[in-house]
Structures are given as C-alpha cells and as structure tokens.
Amino acid sequence: MTTLVDSKALRTGWYVVAESADLKDEPMAVRLLGEDLVLWRDGDDSVVVAPDRCPHREAPLSVGTLADGRLTCIYHGWAFGTDGRCVGVPSSGPDAAIPPAAHLPCMRVEERFGLVWVCPGEPAASVPEVHQDDDPAFRRINTGVEVWNVSALRMVDNFLDISHFPWVHVGTFGGGQDTTVPKIEVGRLDDDFHGYRYEVDATNPIEAIATTGTDAPEVHRWMSTGFNLPFTIRSMVRYEDGLEHIILLCSTPVDDTTSLFTFVVWRNDDHSVDAETVIAFDRAIGAEDKVMLEQVPGVLPLGRTDLVNVQSDRPSVEWRRQLTEFMGVDGD
C-alpha cells in the first residue's frame, strides 16, 4: 500500500500548513507528513517552523509562551528565537554556554499568497507561481484552512476530474452539465502547471451570481485545470464578459488519510461584491467534494492497473505517472 508519511521524496515538496494571518501572539501546532511541528513568528516577524518538542526533555513547544519573538518552553523555561536558536537555559544561568544540540532543527518556510508554505527537506522546486498575485487588476481572497478526513492523493485526483461535476455538484453548478466528457488533451499549461483546457456550460443559480458576475440562468466557462507536484492544483475560469476567477487548491498530507485543505481565489472584478459573498459558492462546491471524499477510505492506489480508467481520467493518470516518478515508487 502507498504511504505518504514514509516517503523521503515527498519531504522535498512544499505544503501549506496555515494562513499567514493565523500566526499572531501564540505558537501554533500543526502536523505534516506524520510529524508534529510548531510555528511562530520571531522578533523579525519571520515564521519559524521546527519539530514540536523541546530538545531538553521533549515537552511540546506549541503549548509554550511567546513574547518578543522568543518561544519559551513551559517545562523548564528554555527559550528559542530567530532560526530556532536556543537563547536561554534558566537553570544554567545567564553566562553559561548553550549546547549546540539545544538549537532547533528548523524547516524551510515561505509566505506566499497569504499562506505559510513549509518544505520538510531540500526543496525539489520552488513554490508555484500565480502571476495574478502581482497584477493590480486582481484581488486575492483567502479562505481559511480546514481539516479533511481524506488522503491528499484522493483530493488531488478529485480536483483534476471533471466527470464528477454533474453527479457530485448537482446542488451547485453541475445540474445542467452534459455527463459526456469531450476528449481531453493533457500537456504543459505554463512553467508551473501541467494539465488541460476545456469549456463547459454550467447552471448559474442565485447563489452563484456573485461569483459569475451575471444573473443569466446558464453560463459558458473557458477553463483550465493543472497540477504542480506533489499536491497543488490550479483552476482558471474565464467568462464571456472577461471576468477571470483563478483558484489555487492546496492539499497538505497531515498523515496518510488526513489532510489540510485551503483554496485561494484571485479575481479581476470591480470589488463591488464583498469577498465572503464571492467565495460562498466556492465553499459550497468544496463542501460537496468533502462529503463525497470522506466516504472513500484509505489512500488512492498509484499503480497503473489498480484502478479502471477511461479517457476522462487522463489528467489524473498523468498526474499519478509523474507523482510515482517523483516519489520513486513503482507505478506498475
């Protein structure tokens, strides 16, 4: 069976563990690939990510106190600052040398798009680019981080798939959609994402008007969906009036069968509709996916013959092919 937490290759990927706004005046506990981590902001307002255990007697640092960028363990008062360096051992006195092993082994971290990205090992690539984040014509909307009781493998497989739209999303946009999927061609979309382009006609219920920008009963969408290894998906939507709606879907493996999920939206609208109203419909779509996926146990098999595939599954088949190569596992 495929396991995520034991994969050394997956430790070279970037994963979203929080929103930047989540890190305030207290340390934060997260779990990534089966490892407990602590996050906090140091005196320079930079994010520090380290194992959630004090090197002295292994108390969880996430229940410690934070002041002036110094994280203090509540067990013996050891304090840690910039880059996780130990800056205080009260029992030894102020002039005593600090053992080199007292410093925390920190992980690489970047803040992009209002998100905190962590790489547990040596990065295989950079955090993927979303060029609209630098375009003043677009606004960015962050949506919060949720816990899904689903393997990240199943989440990405689902986000790459359009054949489930008229079945799973009948309560939102899929009700009027053709169940037959046209032939899909998968290839490089740009420097960061690999995927496919397509067009769909979708129902436009009252709840979707803020997102689509029109009250027409049906809307035509020009779309593309692509992946960035290991578990990041970008969906781009363009409407007939030129409105663009870009969604970055980030699935983070807490362990083999539990994940963190967040999505970020960029839109070139006029800001006349507040952000929460705009993303309400996307939240409803995600809730439909969550309900469906949490009924499917275990990890998604990665072998080529483990699952039955048809032409509409080509995006997932290609993603799984590249992922098995990335992970160095047998896809046969």
Protein backbone atom coordinates (compact mmCIF):
# COMPACT_ATOMS: atom_id res chain seq x y z
CA MET A 1 0.00 0.00 0.00
CA THR A 2 1.21 3.50 -0.83
CA THR A 3 2.21 5.51 2.23
CA LEU A 4 2.86 9.23 2.28
CA VAL A 5 4.46 9.69 5.69
CA ASP A 6 7.33 7.32 4.87
CA SER A 7 8.18 8.93 1.52
CA LYS A 8 11.53 10.73 1.58
CA ALA A 9 10.76 12.29 -1.81
CA LEU A 10 7.58 13.95 -0.54
CA ARG A 11 9.69 15.76 2.04
CA THR A 12 11.15 17.77 -0.86
CA GLY A 13 7.75 19.30 -1.70
CA TRP A 14 6.09 22.49 -0.49
CA TYR A 15 2.92 22.29 1.64
CA VAL A 16 0.52 24.86 3.06
CA VAL A 17 0.22 24.43 6.83
CA ALA A 18 -1.52 27.70 7.80
CA GLU A 19 -2.53 31.13 6.65
CA SER A 20 -0.15 33.96 7.46
CA ALA A 21 -2.94 35.63 9.43
CA ASP A 22 -3.16 32.57 11.72
CA LEU A 23 0.22 33.32 13.29
CA LYS A 24 -0.27 36.03 15.87
CA ASP A 25 0.83 36.12 19.51
CA GLU A 26 0.87 32.39 20.28
CA PRO A 27 2.78 29.40 18.91
CA MET A 28 0.78 27.12 16.62
CA ALA A 29 0.82 23.33 16.38
CA VAL A 30 0.49 21.59 13.01
CA ARG A 31 1.14 18.10 11.73
CA LEU A 32 2.79 17.44 8.37
CA LEU A 33 3.56 14.02 6.89
CA GLY A 34 3.12 12.45 10.31
CA GLU A 35 5.46 14.88 12.09
CA ASP A 36 4.31 17.30 14.78
CA LEU A 37 5.58 20.85 14.17
CA VAL A 38 5.44 24.19 15.94
CA LEU A 39 5.15 27.53 14.14
CA TRP A 40 5.73 31.02 15.50
CA ARG A 41 6.88 34.49 14.44
CA ASP A 42 10.28 35.59 15.66
CA GLY A 43 11.40 39.12 16.57
CA ASP A 44 11.79 39.99 12.87
CA ASP A 45 8.21 38.83 12.16
CA SER A 46 9.57 35.88 10.17
CA VAL A 47 7.93 32.47 10.53
CA VAL A 48 9.92 29.75 12.27
CA VAL A 49 8.95 26.07 11.78
CA ALA A 50 10.53 23.36 13.92
CA PRO A 51 9.72 19.96 15.45
CA ASP A 52 7.19 20.39 18.23
CA ARG A 53 9.42 19.13 21.00
CA CYS A 54 11.96 20.81 23.23
CA PRO A 55 15.42 19.21 22.81
CA HIS A 56 15.80 19.19 26.60
CA ARG A 57 13.01 16.83 27.76
CA GLU A 58 10.76 16.76 24.67
CA ALA A 59 7.88 18.85 26.00
CA PRO A 60 5.64 20.20 23.21
CA LEU A 61 6.77 23.71 22.39
CA SER A 62 3.39 24.58 20.90
CA VAL A 63 1.93 24.88 24.41
CA GLY A 64 4.70 27.27 25.41
CA THR A 65 4.58 31.04 25.65
CA LEU A 66 5.59 33.63 23.06
CA ALA A 67 6.89 37.12 23.81
CA ASP A 68 9.00 39.44 21.65
CA GLY A 69 9.60 36.64 19.17
CA ARG A 70 11.01 34.27 21.81
CA LEU A 71 9.27 30.93 22.29
CA THR A 72 9.62 29.64 25.85
CA CYS A 73 9.06 26.02 26.85
CA ILE A 74 6.70 25.73 29.81
CA TYR A 75 8.56 22.74 31.28
CA HIS A 76 11.98 24.23 32.16
CA GLY A 77 11.86 27.66 30.56
CA TRP A 78 14.26 27.09 27.70
CA ALA A 79 13.80 29.88 25.17
CA PHE A 80 14.18 29.88 21.37
CA GLY A 81 14.44 32.81 18.97
CA THR A 82 15.37 33.56 15.36
CA ASP A 83 16.09 30.45 13.26
CA GLY A 84 15.13 28.31 16.26
CA ARG A 85 18.34 29.10 18.12
CA CYS A 86 18.26 28.43 21.84
CA VAL A 87 18.75 31.78 23.56
CA GLY A 88 18.16 30.88 27.18
CA VAL A 89 18.62 27.99 29.64
CA PRO A 90 17.48 29.39 33.01
CA SER A 91 18.90 26.56 35.11
CA SER A 92 22.42 27.21 33.78
CA GLY A 93 22.47 30.93 34.47
CA PRO A 94 22.89 33.83 32.02
CA ASP A 95 26.58 33.32 31.30
CA ALA A 96 26.64 29.57 30.68
CA ALA A 97 27.39 28.24 27.19
CA ILE A 98 24.41 26.83 25.35
CA PRO A 99 24.93 23.29 23.98
CA PRO A 100 24.88 23.24 20.15
CA ALA A 101 22.29 20.46 20.23
CA ALA A 102 19.90 22.83 22.04
CA HIS A 103 19.18 24.71 18.81
CA LEU A 104 16.07 23.57 16.94
CA PRO A 105 16.42 21.90 13.51
CA CYS A 106 14.18 24.28 11.58
CA MET A 107 12.48 23.65 8.25
CA ARG A 108 12.36 25.87 5.20
CA VAL A 109 9.36 28.17 5.15
CA GLU A 110 7.96 30.77 2.75
CA GLU A 111 4.99 33.09 2.93
CA ARG A 112 3.25 33.38 -0.43
CA PHE A 113 -0.32 34.34 -1.32
CA GLY A 114 -1.24 34.84 2.33
CA LEU A 115 -0.21 31.24 3.07
CA VAL A 116 2.58 29.63 5.07
CA TRP A 117 4.39 27.04 2.93
CA VAL A 118 6.74 24.52 4.54
CA CYS A 119 9.26 22.16 2.94
CA PRO A 120 10.49 19.48 5.39
CA GLY A 121 13.59 18.64 3.34
CA GLU A 122 15.69 20.03 0.49
CA PRO A 123 13.21 21.63 -1.96
CA ALA A 124 12.93 19.90 -5.32
CA ALA A 125 11.43 23.09 -6.82
CA SER A 126 10.07 26.49 -5.83
CA VAL A 127 6.61 27.34 -4.55
CA PRO A 128 4.47 27.53 -7.73
CA GLU A 129 3.86 30.97 -9.21
CA VAL A 130 0.45 32.60 -9.52
CA HIS A 131 1.17 35.67 -11.61
CA GLN A 132 -2.19 37.27 -10.87
CA ASP A 133 -0.97 37.87 -7.32
CA ASP A 134 1.29 40.61 -8.70
CA ASP A 135 -1.34 42.02 -11.08
CA PRO A 136 -3.17 45.08 -9.64
CA ALA A 137 -6.21 44.18 -11.76
CA PHE A 138 -6.79 41.17 -9.49
CA ARG A 139 -7.73 40.94 -5.85
CA ARG A 140 -6.79 37.97 -3.69
CA ILE A 141 -9.23 36.26 -1.33
CA ASN A 142 -8.01 33.80 1.30
CA THR A 143 -10.50 31.32 2.71
CA GLY A 144 -9.09 29.65 5.84
CA VAL A 145 -7.68 26.17 6.43
CA GLU A 146 -9.86 23.09 7.03
CA VAL A 147 -9.16 19.51 8.11
CA TRP A 148 -10.46 16.85 5.73
CA ASN A 149 -10.56 13.18 6.73
CA VAL A 150 -9.32 12.27 3.27
CA SER A 151 -5.98 11.23 1.80
CA ALA A 152 -4.32 14.07 -0.13
CA LEU A 153 -3.99 11.61 -3.02
CA ARG A 154 -7.76 11.30 -3.33
CA MET A 155 -8.23 15.05 -3.06
CA VAL A 156 -5.89 15.83 -5.97
CA ASP A 157 -7.41 13.06 -8.09
CA ASN A 158 -10.83 14.63 -7.47
CA PHE A 159 -9.73 18.21 -8.19
CA LEU A 160 -8.29 17.12 -11.56
CA ASP A 161 -11.51 15.40 -12.56
CA ILE A 162 -14.49 16.99 -14.36
CA SER A 163 -16.57 13.85 -14.91
CA HIS A 164 -17.91 14.02 -11.35
CA PHE A 165 -19.35 17.54 -11.83
CA PRO A 166 -22.91 16.54 -12.88
CA TRP A 167 -23.07 13.97 -10.09
CA VAL A 168 -21.36 15.38 -7.01
CA HIS A 169 -22.05 19.06 -7.72
CA VAL A 170 -25.70 18.81 -8.68
CA GLY A 171 -26.52 21.13 -5.77
CA THR A 172 -24.26 23.91 -7.06
CA PHE A 173 -23.22 24.18 -10.72
CA GLY A 174 -23.35 20.64 -12.13
CA GLY A 175 -27.07 20.13 -12.53
CA GLY A 176 -27.31 21.21 -16.16
CA GLN A 177 -23.98 19.84 -17.33
CA ASP A 178 -23.56 17.18 -20.01
CA THR A 179 -22.43 13.90 -18.46
CA THR A 180 -20.31 13.09 -21.53
CA VAL A 181 -16.77 14.47 -21.29
CA PRO A 182 -15.17 15.59 -24.56
CA LYS A 183 -11.74 14.24 -25.45
CA ILE A 184 -9.11 15.64 -23.10
CA GLU A 185 -5.59 16.59 -24.16
CA VAL A 186 -3.10 16.85 -21.31
CA GLY A 187 0.07 18.90 -21.58
CA ARG A 188 2.13 21.76 -20.21
CA LEU A 189 -0.02 24.81 -19.38
CA ASP A 190 2.89 27.05 -18.36
CA ASP A 191 6.17 26.86 -16.45
CA ASP A 192 4.50 25.73 -13.23
CA PHE A 193 1.40 23.71 -14.10
CA HIS A 194 0.67 20.64 -16.22
CA GLY A 195 -2.95 19.93 -17.18
CA TYR A 196 -5.69 20.57 -19.71
CA ARG A 197 -8.05 23.19 -21.12
CA TYR A 198 -11.76 22.75 -21.67
CA GLU A 199 -15.12 24.53 -21.99
CA VAL A 200 -18.32 23.85 -20.08
CA ASP A 201 -21.86 25.17 -19.86
CA ALA A 202 -22.91 25.37 -16.23
CA THR A 203 -26.07 26.28 -14.37
CA ASN A 204 -25.98 29.64 -12.63
CA PRO A 205 -28.16 29.50 -9.52
CA ILE A 206 -28.85 32.58 -7.42
CA GLU A 207 -26.03 31.55 -5.04
CA ALA A 208 -23.51 31.73 -7.91
CA ILE A 209 -24.36 35.18 -9.27
CA ALA A 210 -21.76 36.93 -7.10
CA THR A 211 -19.10 34.57 -8.48
CA THR A 212 -20.12 34.55 -12.15
CA GLY A 213 -20.99 38.25 -12.35
CA THR A 214 -24.25 37.59 -14.23
CA ASP A 215 -27.81 36.55 -13.45
CA ALA A 216 -28.15 34.51 -16.66
CA PRO A 217 -29.59 31.04 -15.91
CA GLU A 218 -26.61 29.37 -17.60
CA VAL A 219 -23.02 30.48 -18.13
CA HIS A 220 -20.31 29.36 -20.52
CA ARG A 221 -16.90 28.85 -18.96
CA TRP A 222 -13.48 28.64 -20.60
CA MET A 223 -11.38 26.71 -18.11
CA SER A 224 -8.04 25.10 -17.44
CA THR A 225 -7.04 22.79 -14.63
CA GLY A 226 -3.45 21.85 -13.86
CA PHE A 227 -1.23 20.33 -11.19
CA ASN A 228 2.09 21.22 -9.62
CA LEU A 229 3.75 18.30 -7.87
CA PRO A 230 3.05 16.96 -5.46
CA PHE A 231 -0.43 18.15 -4.40
CA THR A 232 -1.20 21.67 -5.65
CA ILE A 233 -3.96 22.32 -8.21
CA ARG A 234 -4.82 25.50 -10.11
CA SER A 235 -8.18 26.04 -11.79
CA MET A 236 -8.65 29.03 -14.08
CA VAL A 237 -12.10 30.18 -15.23
CA ARG A 238 -12.92 32.89 -17.76
CA TYR A 239 -16.43 34.11 -18.54
CA GLU A 240 -17.81 35.75 -21.68
CA ASP A 241 -17.56 39.26 -20.23
CA GLY A 242 -13.83 38.84 -19.50
CA LEU A 243 -14.20 38.10 -15.79
CA GLU A 244 -11.49 35.72 -14.59
CA HIS A 245 -11.68 33.58 -11.47
CA ILE A 246 -8.49 31.72 -10.53
CA ILE A 247 -8.48 29.15 -7.72
CA LEU A 248 -5.40 27.60 -6.11
CA LEU A 249 -6.34 24.38 -4.28
CA CYS A 250 -3.79 23.23 -1.70
CA SER A 251 -3.94 19.75 -0.15
CA THR A 252 -1.47 19.02 2.64
CA PRO A 253 -0.94 15.48 3.98
CA VAL A 254 -1.25 15.51 7.77
CA ASP A 255 -0.81 11.75 7.54
CA ASP A 256 -1.82 9.08 5.04
CA THR A 257 -5.57 9.61 5.40
CA THR A 258 -5.96 13.10 6.88
CA SER A 259 -5.26 16.38 5.10
CA LEU A 260 -5.33 20.13 5.47
CA PHE A 261 -7.18 21.97 2.72
CA THR A 262 -7.37 25.59 1.70
CA PHE A 263 -8.10 27.44 -1.51
CA VAL A 264 -7.15 30.94 -2.62
CA VAL A 265 -9.12 32.97 -5.17
CA TRP A 266 -7.93 35.75 -7.50
CA ARG A 267 -10.50 37.83 -9.45
CA ASN A 268 -10.30 40.79 -11.84
CA ASP A 269 -13.66 42.16 -10.71
CA ASP A 270 -14.62 45.65 -9.56
CA HIS A 271 -14.76 44.74 -5.82
CA SER A 272 -18.45 45.69 -5.74
CA VAL A 273 -19.28 42.38 -4.03
CA ASP A 274 -17.63 41.60 -0.70
CA ALA A 275 -15.12 38.76 -0.55
CA GLU A 276 -17.17 36.43 1.67
CA THR A 277 -20.11 36.62 -0.73
CA VAL A 278 -17.85 35.90 -3.69
CA ILE A 279 -16.33 32.77 -2.17
CA ALA A 280 -19.55 31.41 -0.60
CA PHE A 281 -20.35 29.48 -3.78
CA ASP A 282 -16.81 28.05 -3.98
CA ARG A 283 -17.12 26.98 -0.35
CA ALA A 284 -20.37 25.16 -1.20
CA ILE A 285 -18.64 23.36 -4.08
CA GLY A 286 -15.79 22.31 -1.79
CA ALA A 287 -18.27 21.07 0.81
CA GLU A 288 -19.82 18.77 -1.80
CA ASP A 289 -16.38 17.34 -2.60
CA LYS A 290 -15.61 16.88 1.10
CA VAL A 291 -18.84 14.97 1.77
CA MET A 292 -18.13 12.64 -1.14
CA LEU A 293 -14.45 12.06 -0.48
CA GLU A 294 -14.78 11.42 3.25
CA GLN A 295 -16.82 8.34 2.33
CA VAL A 296 -13.88 6.82 0.42
CA PRO A 297 -11.39 5.15 2.81
CA GLY A 298 -7.66 4.75 2.51
CA VAL A 299 -5.12 6.17 0.11
CA LEU A 300 -5.59 6.29 -3.65
CA PRO A 301 -3.69 3.40 -5.30
CA LEU A 302 -0.95 4.65 -7.61
CA GLY A 303 -0.37 1.52 -9.70
CA ARG A 304 -1.39 1.74 -13.35
CA THR A 305 -3.65 -1.30 -13.13
CA ASP A 306 -5.00 -0.75 -9.60
CA LEU A 307 -7.93 1.34 -10.86
CA VAL A 308 -10.06 1.27 -14.00
CA ASN A 309 -9.52 4.41 -16.10
CA VAL A 310 -11.33 5.90 -19.09
CA GLN A 311 -10.43 8.85 -21.32
CA SER A 312 -11.89 11.43 -18.93
CA ASP A 313 -9.35 10.24 -16.32
CA ARG A 314 -6.34 11.23 -18.42
CA PRO A 315 -5.39 14.22 -16.21
CA SER A 316 -5.28 12.04 -13.09
CA VAL A 317 -3.44 9.26 -14.90
CA GLU A 318 -0.75 11.72 -15.98
CA TRP A 319 -0.53 13.27 -12.52
CA ARG A 320 -0.15 9.81 -10.96
CA ARG A 321 2.50 8.89 -13.54
CA GLN A 322 4.53 11.98 -12.70
CA LEU A 323 3.94 11.58 -8.97
CA THR A 324 5.17 7.98 -8.89
CA GLU A 325 8.26 9.09 -10.78
CA PHE A 326 8.71 11.96 -8.32
CA MET A 327 8.30 9.62 -5.34
CA GLY A 328 10.46 6.90 -6.86
CA VAL A 329 7.77 4.25 -6.41
CA ASP A 330 6.63 1.53 -8.79
CA GLY A 331 3.61 2.65 -10.79
CA ASP A 332 3.10 -0.71 -12.50
